[in-house]
Amino acid sequence: MNLVKKACLSFVTVTFFLSPLCAQDAALQRLNESPRHHEWVQIKQSDRTVHSFVVYPEVSGKATAVLVIHENRGLTDWVRGLADQLAEAGYIAIAPDLLSGMGPEGGKTSDFADRNAARDALYKISQEQITADLNAVADYAKNLAAANGKIVVSGFCWGGSQTFRFATERKDLSAAFVFYGTGPDSNAIAAIHCPVYGFYGGNDNRVNASIPEIEMQMKAAGKKYEPVVYEGAGHGFMRAGEQADASEANKAGREAGWQRWMKILAKIK
């Protein structure tokens, strides 16, 4: 057994959130070695507390805040690692754990027995609660002393769908970045006030089959929607593209998606 596989097997014994070949090992290493300021904050929302992970960039001026909505497995180390990457690029990143209070004994994502249990619990949460949580977190981020008052939302898989839906709920978003998520109810599209940018894997027709209809609905409503499909990449390519055993298509999709994301973000001042 080579050292990489041995290390991965050892790592699996202490955390349940891994995909094959230690998908989150690199994220943990990044978090442990990052020079940037990380902190957990507890954001009050009605009678709930939303645990959120915040990373600050090392910049001299105020920065745009990026709200990061996790996948259906909850707030994993990979999501926290992505938040650190956003801060490295110059943005305040805030990733709420939308499973806050939903875990065993009122715990959060890390308190579930396994990712299946976390996923099952996530799908029991009402859209009203999710919207209220995201609004509370967005308000918190937007009003940070280090923030410039601009806020964008981004999300992956389940979080991508929630990102598109949240764009129908909140008027002051500067942009929405939907990573392999489906669109919102067609009746809500008229309420979108920001441009929506889509990132999709070519080998993900479960999601991609809905793109033409969403394009038509967004165009009819006069809304900006720019979907890009990365050829050969699969669902979840932003995470899968970072794995040690990533396919070339997932690696290429992840790199191209990241570069596009950064180019668009840089225009939001």
C-alpha atoms as a PDB file:
ATOM      1  CA  MET A   1       0.000   0.000   0.000  1.00  0.00           C
ATOM      2  CA  ASN A   2       1.493   3.373  -0.975  1.00  0.00           C
ATOM      3  CA  LEU A   3       1.811   6.188   1.531  1.00  0.00           C
ATOM      4  CA  VAL A   4      -0.978   8.303  -0.006  1.00  0.00           C
ATOM      5  CA  LYS A   5      -3.507   5.478   0.233  1.00  0.00           C
ATOM      6  CA  LYS A   6      -2.322   4.587   3.733  1.00  0.00           C
ATOM      7  CA  ALA A   7      -2.678   8.196   4.875  1.00  0.00           C
ATOM      8  CA  CYS A   8      -6.149   8.399   3.385  1.00  0.00           C
ATOM      9  CA  LEU A   9      -7.309   5.245   5.115  1.00  0.00           C
ATOM     10  CA  SER A  10      -6.050   6.577   8.430  1.00  0.00           C
ATOM     11  CA  PHE A  11      -7.787   9.876   7.822  1.00  0.00           C
ATOM     12  CA  VAL A  12     -11.099   8.195   7.062  1.00  0.00           C
ATOM     13  CA  THR A  13     -11.150   6.757  10.584  1.00  0.00           C
ATOM     14  CA  VAL A  14     -11.403  10.215  12.108  1.00  0.00           C
ATOM     15  CA  THR A  15     -13.873  11.984   9.802  1.00  0.00           C
ATOM     16  CA  PHE A  16     -16.873  10.832   7.847  1.00  0.00           C
ATOM     17  CA  PHE A  17     -17.070  13.639   5.328  1.00  0.00           C
ATOM     18  CA  LEU A  18     -14.507  12.346   2.824  1.00  0.00           C
ATOM     19  CA  SER A  19     -15.009  11.353  -0.764  1.00  0.00           C
ATOM     20  CA  PRO A  20     -12.594   8.735  -2.156  1.00  0.00           C
ATOM     21  CA  LEU A  21      -8.853   9.448  -1.980  1.00  0.00           C
ATOM     22  CA  CYS A  22      -9.065  12.002   0.812  1.00  0.00           C
ATOM     23  CA  ALA A  23     -10.963  14.730  -1.023  1.00  0.00           C
ATOM     24  CA  GLN A  24     -10.799  16.918   2.076  1.00  0.00           C
ATOM     25  CA  ASP A  25      -7.264  16.152   3.136  1.00  0.00           C
ATOM     26  CA  ALA A  26      -5.944  19.021   1.027  1.00  0.00           C
ATOM     27  CA  ALA A  27      -8.659  21.310   2.411  1.00  0.00           C
ATOM     28  CA  LEU A  28      -7.648  20.529   5.984  1.00  0.00           C
ATOM     29  CA  GLN A  29      -4.010  21.120   5.166  1.00  0.00           C
ATOM     30  CA  ARG A  30      -4.896  24.448   3.575  1.00  0.00           C
ATOM     31  CA  LEU A  31      -6.934  25.480   6.612  1.00  0.00           C
ATOM     32  CA  ASN A  32      -4.187  24.465   9.022  1.00  0.00           C
ATOM     33  CA  GLU A  33      -1.504  26.311   7.092  1.00  0.00           C
ATOM     34  CA  SER A  34      -3.473  29.392   6.048  1.00  0.00           C
ATOM     35  CA  PRO A  35      -2.059  32.719   7.285  1.00  0.00           C
ATOM     36  CA  ARG A  36      -5.505  34.317   7.033  1.00  0.00           C
ATOM     37  CA  HIS A  37      -7.819  35.024   9.953  1.00  0.00           C
ATOM     38  CA  HIS A  38     -10.497  32.339  10.390  1.00  0.00           C
ATOM     39  CA  GLU A  39     -13.285  32.486  12.911  1.00  0.00           C
ATOM     40  CA  TRP A  40     -16.575  30.871  13.820  1.00  0.00           C
ATOM     41  CA  VAL A  41     -19.409  33.287  14.514  1.00  0.00           C
ATOM     42  CA  GLN A  42     -22.859  32.651  15.929  1.00  0.00           C
ATOM     43  CA  ILE A  43     -25.455  34.667  14.067  1.00  0.00           C
ATOM     44  CA  LYS A  44     -28.844  35.076  15.711  1.00  0.00           C
ATOM     45  CA  GLN A  45     -31.900  34.572  13.558  1.00  0.00           C
ATOM     46  CA  SER A  46     -35.201  34.726  15.425  1.00  0.00           C
ATOM     47  CA  ASP A  47     -34.925  31.920  17.971  1.00  0.00           C
ATOM     48  CA  ARG A  48     -32.104  30.184  16.081  1.00  0.00           C
ATOM     49  CA  THR A  49     -28.336  30.484  16.019  1.00  0.00           C
ATOM     50  CA  VAL A  50     -26.585  29.955  12.688  1.00  0.00           C
ATOM     51  CA  HIS A  51     -22.978  28.826  13.114  1.00  0.00           C
ATOM     52  CA  SER A  52     -20.942  30.382  10.319  1.00  0.00           C
ATOM     53  CA  PHE A  53     -17.308  30.153   9.240  1.00  0.00           C
ATOM     54  CA  VAL A  54     -15.687  33.451   8.241  1.00  0.00           C
ATOM     55  CA  VAL A  55     -12.348  34.040   6.528  1.00  0.00           C
ATOM     56  CA  TYR A  56     -10.858  37.509   6.061  1.00  0.00           C
ATOM     57  CA  PRO A  57      -8.531  38.484   3.222  1.00  0.00           C
ATOM     58  CA  GLU A  58      -5.206  40.154   3.825  1.00  0.00           C
ATOM     59  CA  VAL A  59      -5.989  43.436   2.087  1.00  0.00           C
ATOM     60  CA  SER A  60      -5.575  47.104   2.946  1.00  0.00           C
ATOM     61  CA  GLY A  61      -9.099  48.202   2.043  1.00  0.00           C
ATOM     62  CA  LYS A  62     -12.681  47.075   2.380  1.00  0.00           C
ATOM     63  CA  ALA A  63     -13.688  43.918   0.528  1.00  0.00           C
ATOM     64  CA  THR A  64     -16.746  42.390  -1.122  1.00  0.00           C
ATOM     65  CA  ALA A  65     -18.405  39.664   0.950  1.00  0.00           C
ATOM     66  CA  VAL A  66     -19.075  36.268  -0.630  1.00  0.00           C
ATOM     67  CA  LEU A  67     -21.786  34.125   0.927  1.00  0.00           C
ATOM     68  CA  VAL A  68     -20.974  30.439   0.329  1.00  0.00           C
ATOM     69  CA  ILE A  69     -23.844  27.922   0.461  1.00  0.00           C
ATOM     70  CA  HIS A  70     -22.706  24.367   1.064  1.00  0.00           C
ATOM     71  CA  GLU A  71     -23.614  21.136  -0.706  1.00  0.00           C
ATOM     72  CA  ASN A  72     -26.232  18.727   0.582  1.00  0.00           C
ATOM     73  CA  ARG A  73     -23.686  17.110   2.898  1.00  0.00           C
ATOM     74  CA  GLY A  74     -23.548  20.243   5.033  1.00  0.00           C
ATOM     75  CA  LEU A  75     -20.684  22.544   5.974  1.00  0.00           C
ATOM     76  CA  THR A  76     -17.676  20.318   5.299  1.00  0.00           C
ATOM     77  CA  ASP A  77     -13.974  21.026   5.454  1.00  0.00           C
ATOM     78  CA  TRP A  78     -13.954  21.323   1.668  1.00  0.00           C
ATOM     79  CA  VAL A  79     -16.405  24.241   1.865  1.00  0.00           C
ATOM     80  CA  ARG A  80     -14.311  25.885   4.573  1.00  0.00           C
ATOM     81  CA  GLY A  81     -11.219  25.364   2.426  1.00  0.00           C
ATOM     82  CA  LEU A  82     -12.977  27.018  -0.501  1.00  0.00           C
ATOM     83  CA  ALA A  83     -13.827  29.960   1.757  1.00  0.00           C
ATOM     84  CA  ASP A  84     -10.120  30.295   2.509  1.00  0.00           C
ATOM     85  CA  GLN A  85      -9.360  30.286  -1.221  1.00  0.00           C
ATOM     86  CA  LEU A  86     -11.845  33.114  -1.726  1.00  0.00           C
ATOM     87  CA  ALA A  87     -10.192  35.111   1.044  1.00  0.00           C
ATOM     88  CA  GLU A  88      -6.800  34.442  -0.519  1.00  0.00           C
ATOM     89  CA  ALA A  89      -8.215  36.020  -3.683  1.00  0.00           C
ATOM     90  CA  GLY A  90      -9.193  39.139  -1.721  1.00  0.00           C
ATOM     91  CA  TYR A  91     -12.781  38.564  -0.575  1.00  0.00           C
ATOM     92  CA  ILE A  92     -14.470  38.157   2.789  1.00  0.00           C
ATOM     93  CA  ALA A  93     -15.952  34.667   2.699  1.00  0.00           C
ATOM     94  CA  ILE A  94     -18.724  33.527   5.000  1.00  0.00           C
ATOM     95  CA  ALA A  95     -20.067  29.971   4.940  1.00  0.00           C
ATOM     96  CA  PRO A  96     -23.127  29.324   7.114  1.00  0.00           C
ATOM     97  CA  ASP A  97     -23.878  25.869   8.467  1.00  0.00           C
ATOM     98  CA  LEU A  98     -27.537  25.561   7.532  1.00  0.00           C
ATOM     99  CA  LEU A  99     -27.721  22.408   9.634  1.00  0.00           C
ATOM    100  CA  SER A 100     -27.129  24.495  12.759  1.00  0.00           C
ATOM    101  CA  GLY A 101     -29.398  23.228  15.505  1.00  0.00           C
ATOM    102  CA  MET A 102     -30.563  20.294  13.384  1.00  0.00           C
ATOM    103  CA  GLY A 103     -27.932  17.791  14.488  1.00  0.00           C
ATOM    104  CA  PRO A 104     -27.975  15.401  17.431  1.00  0.00           C
ATOM    105  CA  GLU A 105     -28.665  17.298  20.675  1.00  0.00           C
ATOM    106  CA  GLY A 106     -29.088  20.501  18.703  1.00  0.00           C
ATOM    107  CA  GLY A 107     -25.703  20.213  17.001  1.00  0.00           C
ATOM    108  CA  LYS A 108     -24.500  21.156  13.525  1.00  0.00           C
ATOM    109  CA  THR A 109     -23.012  19.354  10.515  1.00  0.00           C
ATOM    110  CA  SER A 110     -20.005  17.943  12.334  1.00  0.00           C
ATOM    111  CA  ASP A 111     -22.245  16.331  14.971  1.00  0.00           C
ATOM    112  CA  PHE A 112     -24.034  13.962  12.596  1.00  0.00           C
ATOM    113  CA  ALA A 113     -23.030  10.300  12.593  1.00  0.00           C
ATOM    114  CA  ASP A 114     -22.355  10.320   8.857  1.00  0.00           C
ATOM    115  CA  ARG A 115     -22.993  12.355   5.738  1.00  0.00           C
ATOM    116  CA  ASN A 116     -26.141  10.397   4.876  1.00  0.00           C
ATOM    117  CA  ALA A 117     -27.702  11.452   8.164  1.00  0.00           C
ATOM    118  CA  ALA A 118     -26.656  15.041   7.502  1.00  0.00           C
ATOM    119  CA  ARG A 119     -28.182  14.954   4.035  1.00  0.00           C
ATOM    120  CA  ASP A 120     -31.441  13.467   5.288  1.00  0.00           C
ATOM    121  CA  ALA A 121     -31.754  16.199   7.904  1.00  0.00           C
ATOM    122  CA  LEU A 122     -31.011  18.937   5.382  1.00  0.00           C
ATOM    123  CA  TYR A 123     -33.935  17.981   3.186  1.00  0.00           C
ATOM    124  CA  LYS A 124     -36.301  18.299   6.133  1.00  0.00           C
ATOM    125  CA  ILE A 125     -35.541  21.991   6.634  1.00  0.00           C
ATOM    126  CA  SER A 126     -38.175  24.393   5.350  1.00  0.00           C
ATOM    127  CA  GLN A 127     -37.334  26.876   2.611  1.00  0.00           C
ATOM    128  CA  GLU A 128     -38.574  29.613   4.931  1.00  0.00           C
ATOM    129  CA  GLN A 129     -35.954  28.719   7.524  1.00  0.00           C
ATOM    130  CA  ILE A 130     -33.213  28.541   4.910  1.00  0.00           C
ATOM    131  CA  THR A 131     -34.147  31.965   3.546  1.00  0.00           C
ATOM    132  CA  ALA A 132     -34.257  33.495   7.011  1.00  0.00           C
ATOM    133  CA  ASP A 133     -30.867  31.987   7.884  1.00  0.00           C
ATOM    134  CA  LEU A 134     -29.286  33.221   4.658  1.00  0.00           C
ATOM    135  CA  ASN A 135     -30.728  36.704   5.126  1.00  0.00           C
ATOM    136  CA  ALA A 136     -29.345  36.890   8.658  1.00  0.00           C
ATOM    137  CA  VAL A 137     -25.905  35.774   7.488  1.00  0.00           C
ATOM    138  CA  ALA A 138     -25.960  38.137   4.507  1.00  0.00           C
ATOM    139  CA  ASP A 139     -26.884  41.054   6.783  1.00  0.00           C
ATOM    140  CA  TYR A 140     -24.057  40.155   9.131  1.00  0.00           C
ATOM    141  CA  ALA A 141     -21.484  39.937   6.327  1.00  0.00           C
ATOM    142  CA  LYS A 142     -22.622  43.063   4.544  1.00  0.00           C
ATOM    143  CA  ASN A 143     -22.298  45.143   7.705  1.00  0.00           C
ATOM    144  CA  LEU A 144     -18.874  43.960   8.803  1.00  0.00           C
ATOM    145  CA  ALA A 145     -16.460  46.840   9.342  1.00  0.00           C
ATOM    146  CA  ALA A 146     -14.058  45.263   6.838  1.00  0.00           C
ATOM    147  CA  ALA A 147     -16.766  44.880   4.166  1.00  0.00           C
ATOM    148  CA  ASN A 148     -17.476  47.341   1.361  1.00  0.00           C
ATOM    149  CA  GLY A 149     -21.242  46.805   1.469  1.00  0.00           C
ATOM    150  CA  LYS A 150     -21.328  44.600  -1.624  1.00  0.00           C
ATOM    151  CA  ILE A 151     -22.483  41.021  -1.217  1.00  0.00           C
ATOM    152  CA  VAL A 152     -22.686  38.130  -3.656  1.00  0.00           C
ATOM    153  CA  VAL A 153     -23.996  34.615  -3.149  1.00  0.00           C
ATOM    154  CA  SER A 154     -22.510  31.368  -4.413  1.00  0.00           C
ATOM    155  CA  GLY A 155     -23.393  27.734  -3.852  1.00  0.00           C
ATOM    156  CA  PHE A 156     -22.691  24.187  -4.929  1.00  0.00           C
ATOM    157  CA  CYS A 157     -25.095  21.368  -5.885  1.00  0.00           C
ATOM    158  CA  TRP A 158     -27.948  21.762  -3.369  1.00  0.00           C
ATOM    159  CA  GLY A 159     -26.322  25.051  -2.469  1.00  0.00           C
ATOM    160  CA  GLY A 160     -26.331  26.044  -6.136  1.00  0.00           C
ATOM    161  CA  SER A 161     -30.090  25.584  -6.287  1.00  0.00           C
ATOM    162  CA  GLN A 162     -30.449  27.545  -3.044  1.00  0.00           C
ATOM    163  CA  THR A 163     -28.259  30.289  -4.521  1.00  0.00           C
ATOM    164  CA  PHE A 164     -30.591  30.656  -7.513  1.00  0.00           C
ATOM    165  CA  ARG A 165     -33.610  30.633  -5.214  1.00  0.00           C
ATOM    166  CA  PHE A 166     -32.044  33.159  -2.805  1.00  0.00           C
ATOM    167  CA  ALA A 167     -31.547  35.525  -5.734  1.00  0.00           C
ATOM    168  CA  THR A 168     -35.343  35.633  -5.991  1.00  0.00           C
ATOM    169  CA  GLU A 169     -35.606  36.529  -2.291  1.00  0.00           C
ATOM    170  CA  ARG A 170     -32.997  39.243  -1.761  1.00  0.00           C
ATOM    171  CA  LYS A 171     -32.820  42.447  -3.782  1.00  0.00           C
ATOM    172  CA  ASP A 172     -29.397  43.800  -2.795  1.00  0.00           C
ATOM    173  CA  LEU A 173     -27.234  40.960  -4.126  1.00  0.00           C
ATOM    174  CA  SER A 174     -24.614  42.086  -6.636  1.00  0.00           C
ATOM    175  CA  ALA A 175     -24.411  38.657  -8.285  1.00  0.00           C
ATOM    176  CA  ALA A 176     -25.377  35.013  -7.868  1.00  0.00           C
ATOM    177  CA  PHE A 177     -22.985  32.196  -8.809  1.00  0.00           C
ATOM    178  CA  VAL A 178     -24.809  28.911  -9.329  1.00  0.00           C
ATOM    179  CA  PHE A 179     -22.568  25.849  -9.426  1.00  0.00           C
ATOM    180  CA  TYR A 180     -24.435  22.845 -10.866  1.00  0.00           C
ATOM    181  CA  GLY A 181     -27.729  23.764  -9.253  1.00  0.00           C
ATOM    182  CA  THR A 182     -31.211  23.860 -10.739  1.00  0.00           C
ATOM    183  CA  GLY A 183     -33.328  26.974 -11.219  1.00  0.00           C
ATOM    184  CA  PRO A 184     -36.062  28.418  -9.011  1.00  0.00           C
ATOM    185  CA  ASP A 185     -39.808  28.317  -9.441  1.00  0.00           C
ATOM    186  CA  SER A 186     -40.622  30.079 -12.693  1.00  0.00           C
ATOM    187  CA  ASN A 187     -43.107  32.334 -10.917  1.00  0.00           C
ATOM    188  CA  ALA A 188     -40.287  33.758  -8.774  1.00  0.00           C
ATOM    189  CA  ILE A 189     -37.881  34.663 -11.576  1.00  0.00           C
ATOM    190  CA  ALA A 190     -39.346  38.145 -11.988  1.00  0.00           C
ATOM    191  CA  ALA A 191     -38.103  38.955  -8.480  1.00  0.00           C
ATOM    192  CA  ILE A 192     -34.423  38.470  -9.395  1.00  0.00           C
ATOM    193  CA  HIS A 193     -32.484  41.749  -9.351  1.00  0.00           C
ATOM    194  CA  CYS A 194     -28.903  40.574  -9.930  1.00  0.00           C
ATOM    195  CA  PRO A 195     -27.075  38.795 -12.758  1.00  0.00           C
ATOM    196  CA  VAL A 196     -26.917  35.018 -12.399  1.00  0.00           C
ATOM    197  CA  TYR A 197     -23.868  33.087 -13.591  1.00  0.00           C
ATOM    198  CA  GLY A 198     -24.138  29.317 -14.041  1.00  0.00           C
ATOM    199  CA  PHE A 199     -21.337  26.744 -13.893  1.00  0.00           C
ATOM    200  CA  TYR A 200     -22.226  23.245 -15.092  1.00  0.00           C
ATOM    201  CA  GLY A 201     -20.440  19.972 -15.821  1.00  0.00           C
ATOM    202  CA  GLY A 202     -20.935  18.551 -19.308  1.00  0.00           C
ATOM    203  CA  ASN A 203     -21.627  15.084 -17.912  1.00  0.00           C
ATOM    204  CA  ASP A 204     -24.441  16.205 -15.631  1.00  0.00           C
ATOM    205  CA  ASN A 205     -27.605  16.046 -17.690  1.00  0.00           C
ATOM    206  CA  ARG A 206     -29.795  15.658 -14.594  1.00  0.00           C
ATOM    207  CA  VAL A 207     -29.103  19.342 -13.998  1.00  0.00           C
ATOM    208  CA  ASN A 208     -28.252  20.477 -17.516  1.00  0.00           C
ATOM    209  CA  ALA A 209     -31.540  19.307 -19.006  1.00  0.00           C
ATOM    210  CA  SER A 210     -33.189  22.200 -17.163  1.00  0.00           C
ATOM    211  CA  ILE A 211     -30.865  24.905 -18.538  1.00  0.00           C
ATOM    212  CA  PRO A 212     -32.735  25.682 -21.810  1.00  0.00           C
ATOM    213  CA  GLU A 213     -36.000  26.254 -19.965  1.00  0.00           C
ATOM    214  CA  ILE A 214     -34.310  28.480 -17.387  1.00  0.00           C
ATOM    215  CA  GLU A 215     -32.585  30.435 -20.168  1.00  0.00           C
ATOM    216  CA  MET A 216     -35.926  31.010 -21.862  1.00  0.00           C
ATOM    217  CA  GLN A 217     -37.635  32.072 -18.629  1.00  0.00           C
ATOM    218  CA  MET A 218     -34.814  34.420 -17.615  1.00  0.00           C
ATOM    219  CA  LYS A 219     -34.703  35.990 -21.071  1.00  0.00           C
ATOM    220  CA  ALA A 220     -38.469  36.471 -21.109  1.00  0.00           C
ATOM    221  CA  ALA A 221     -38.254  38.204 -17.724  1.00  0.00           C
ATOM    222  CA  GLY A 222     -35.406  40.450 -18.889  1.00  0.00           C
ATOM    223  CA  LYS A 223     -32.921  38.924 -16.452  1.00  0.00           C
ATOM    224  CA  LYS A 224     -29.221  38.295 -17.015  1.00  0.00           C
ATOM    225  CA  TYR A 225     -28.333  34.596 -16.963  1.00  0.00           C
ATOM    226  CA  GLU A 226     -25.027  33.334 -18.307  1.00  0.00           C
ATOM    227  CA  PRO A 227     -24.618  29.550 -18.077  1.00  0.00           C
ATOM    228  CA  VAL A 228     -21.355  27.873 -19.069  1.00  0.00           C
ATOM    229  CA  VAL A 229     -21.018  24.110 -19.459  1.00  0.00           C
ATOM    230  CA  TYR A 230     -17.544  22.629 -18.940  1.00  0.00           C
ATOM    231  CA  GLU A 231     -17.126  19.766 -21.374  1.00  0.00           C
ATOM    232  CA  GLY A 232     -16.548  16.345 -19.848  1.00  0.00           C
ATOM    233  CA  ALA A 233     -16.751  17.547 -16.245  1.00  0.00           C
ATOM    234  CA  GLY A 234     -19.142  15.780 -13.893  1.00  0.00           C
ATOM    235  CA  HIS A 235     -21.501  16.961 -11.199  1.00  0.00           C
ATOM    236  CA  GLY A 236     -19.520  18.481  -8.337  1.00  0.00           C
ATOM    237  CA  PHE A 237     -16.457  19.195 -10.457  1.00  0.00           C
ATOM    238  CA  MET A 238     -15.350  22.126  -8.289  1.00  0.00           C
ATOM    239  CA  ARG A 239     -14.793  19.662  -5.450  1.00  0.00           C
ATOM    240  CA  ALA A 240     -13.929  16.590  -7.533  1.00  0.00           C
ATOM    241  CA  GLY A 241     -11.411  18.614  -9.539  1.00  0.00           C
ATOM    242  CA  GLU A 242      -9.306  19.069  -6.408  1.00  0.00           C
ATOM    243  CA  GLN A 243      -9.044  15.358  -5.641  1.00  0.00           C
ATOM    244  CA  ALA A 244      -5.774  13.495  -6.075  1.00  0.00           C
ATOM    245  CA  ASP A 245      -7.449  11.121  -8.550  1.00  0.00           C
ATOM    246  CA  ALA A 246      -9.415  13.833 -10.405  1.00  0.00           C
ATOM    247  CA  SER A 247     -10.138  13.259 -14.078  1.00  0.00           C
ATOM    248  CA  GLU A 248      -8.559  15.663 -16.535  1.00  0.00           C
ATOM    249  CA  ALA A 249     -12.028  16.981 -17.411  1.00  0.00           C
ATOM    250  CA  ASN A 250     -12.848  17.714 -13.784  1.00  0.00           C
ATOM    251  CA  LYS A 251      -9.471  19.367 -13.255  1.00  0.00           C
ATOM    252  CA  ALA A 252      -9.935  21.503 -16.363  1.00  0.00           C
ATOM    253  CA  GLY A 253     -13.518  22.372 -15.418  1.00  0.00           C
ATOM    254  CA  ARG A 254     -12.493  23.330 -11.925  1.00  0.00           C
ATOM    255  CA  GLU A 255      -9.662  25.565 -13.150  1.00  0.00           C
ATOM    256  CA  ALA A 256     -11.740  27.221 -15.871  1.00  0.00           C
ATOM    257  CA  GLY A 257     -14.668  27.674 -13.495  1.00  0.00           C
ATOM    258  CA  TRP A 258     -12.455  29.248 -10.850  1.00  0.00           C
ATOM    259  CA  GLN A 259     -10.824  31.637 -13.326  1.00  0.00           C
ATOM    260  CA  ARG A 260     -14.206  32.701 -14.671  1.00  0.00           C
ATOM    261  CA  TRP A 261     -15.545  33.219 -11.146  1.00  0.00           C
ATOM    262  CA  MET A 262     -12.573  35.380 -10.182  1.00  0.00           C
ATOM    263  CA  LYS A 263     -12.816  37.437 -13.387  1.00  0.00           C
ATOM    264  CA  ILE A 264     -16.481  38.244 -12.732  1.00  0.00           C
ATOM    265  CA  LEU A 265     -15.919  38.948  -9.037  1.00  0.00           C
ATOM    266  CA  ALA A 266     -13.106  41.375  -9.883  1.00  0.00           C
ATOM    267  CA  LYS A 267     -15.622  43.564 -11.741  1.00  0.00           C
ATOM    268  CA  ILE A 268     -17.829  43.941  -8.676  1.00  0.00           C
ATOM    269  CA  LYS A 269     -16.539  47.019  -6.885  1.00  0.00           C
END
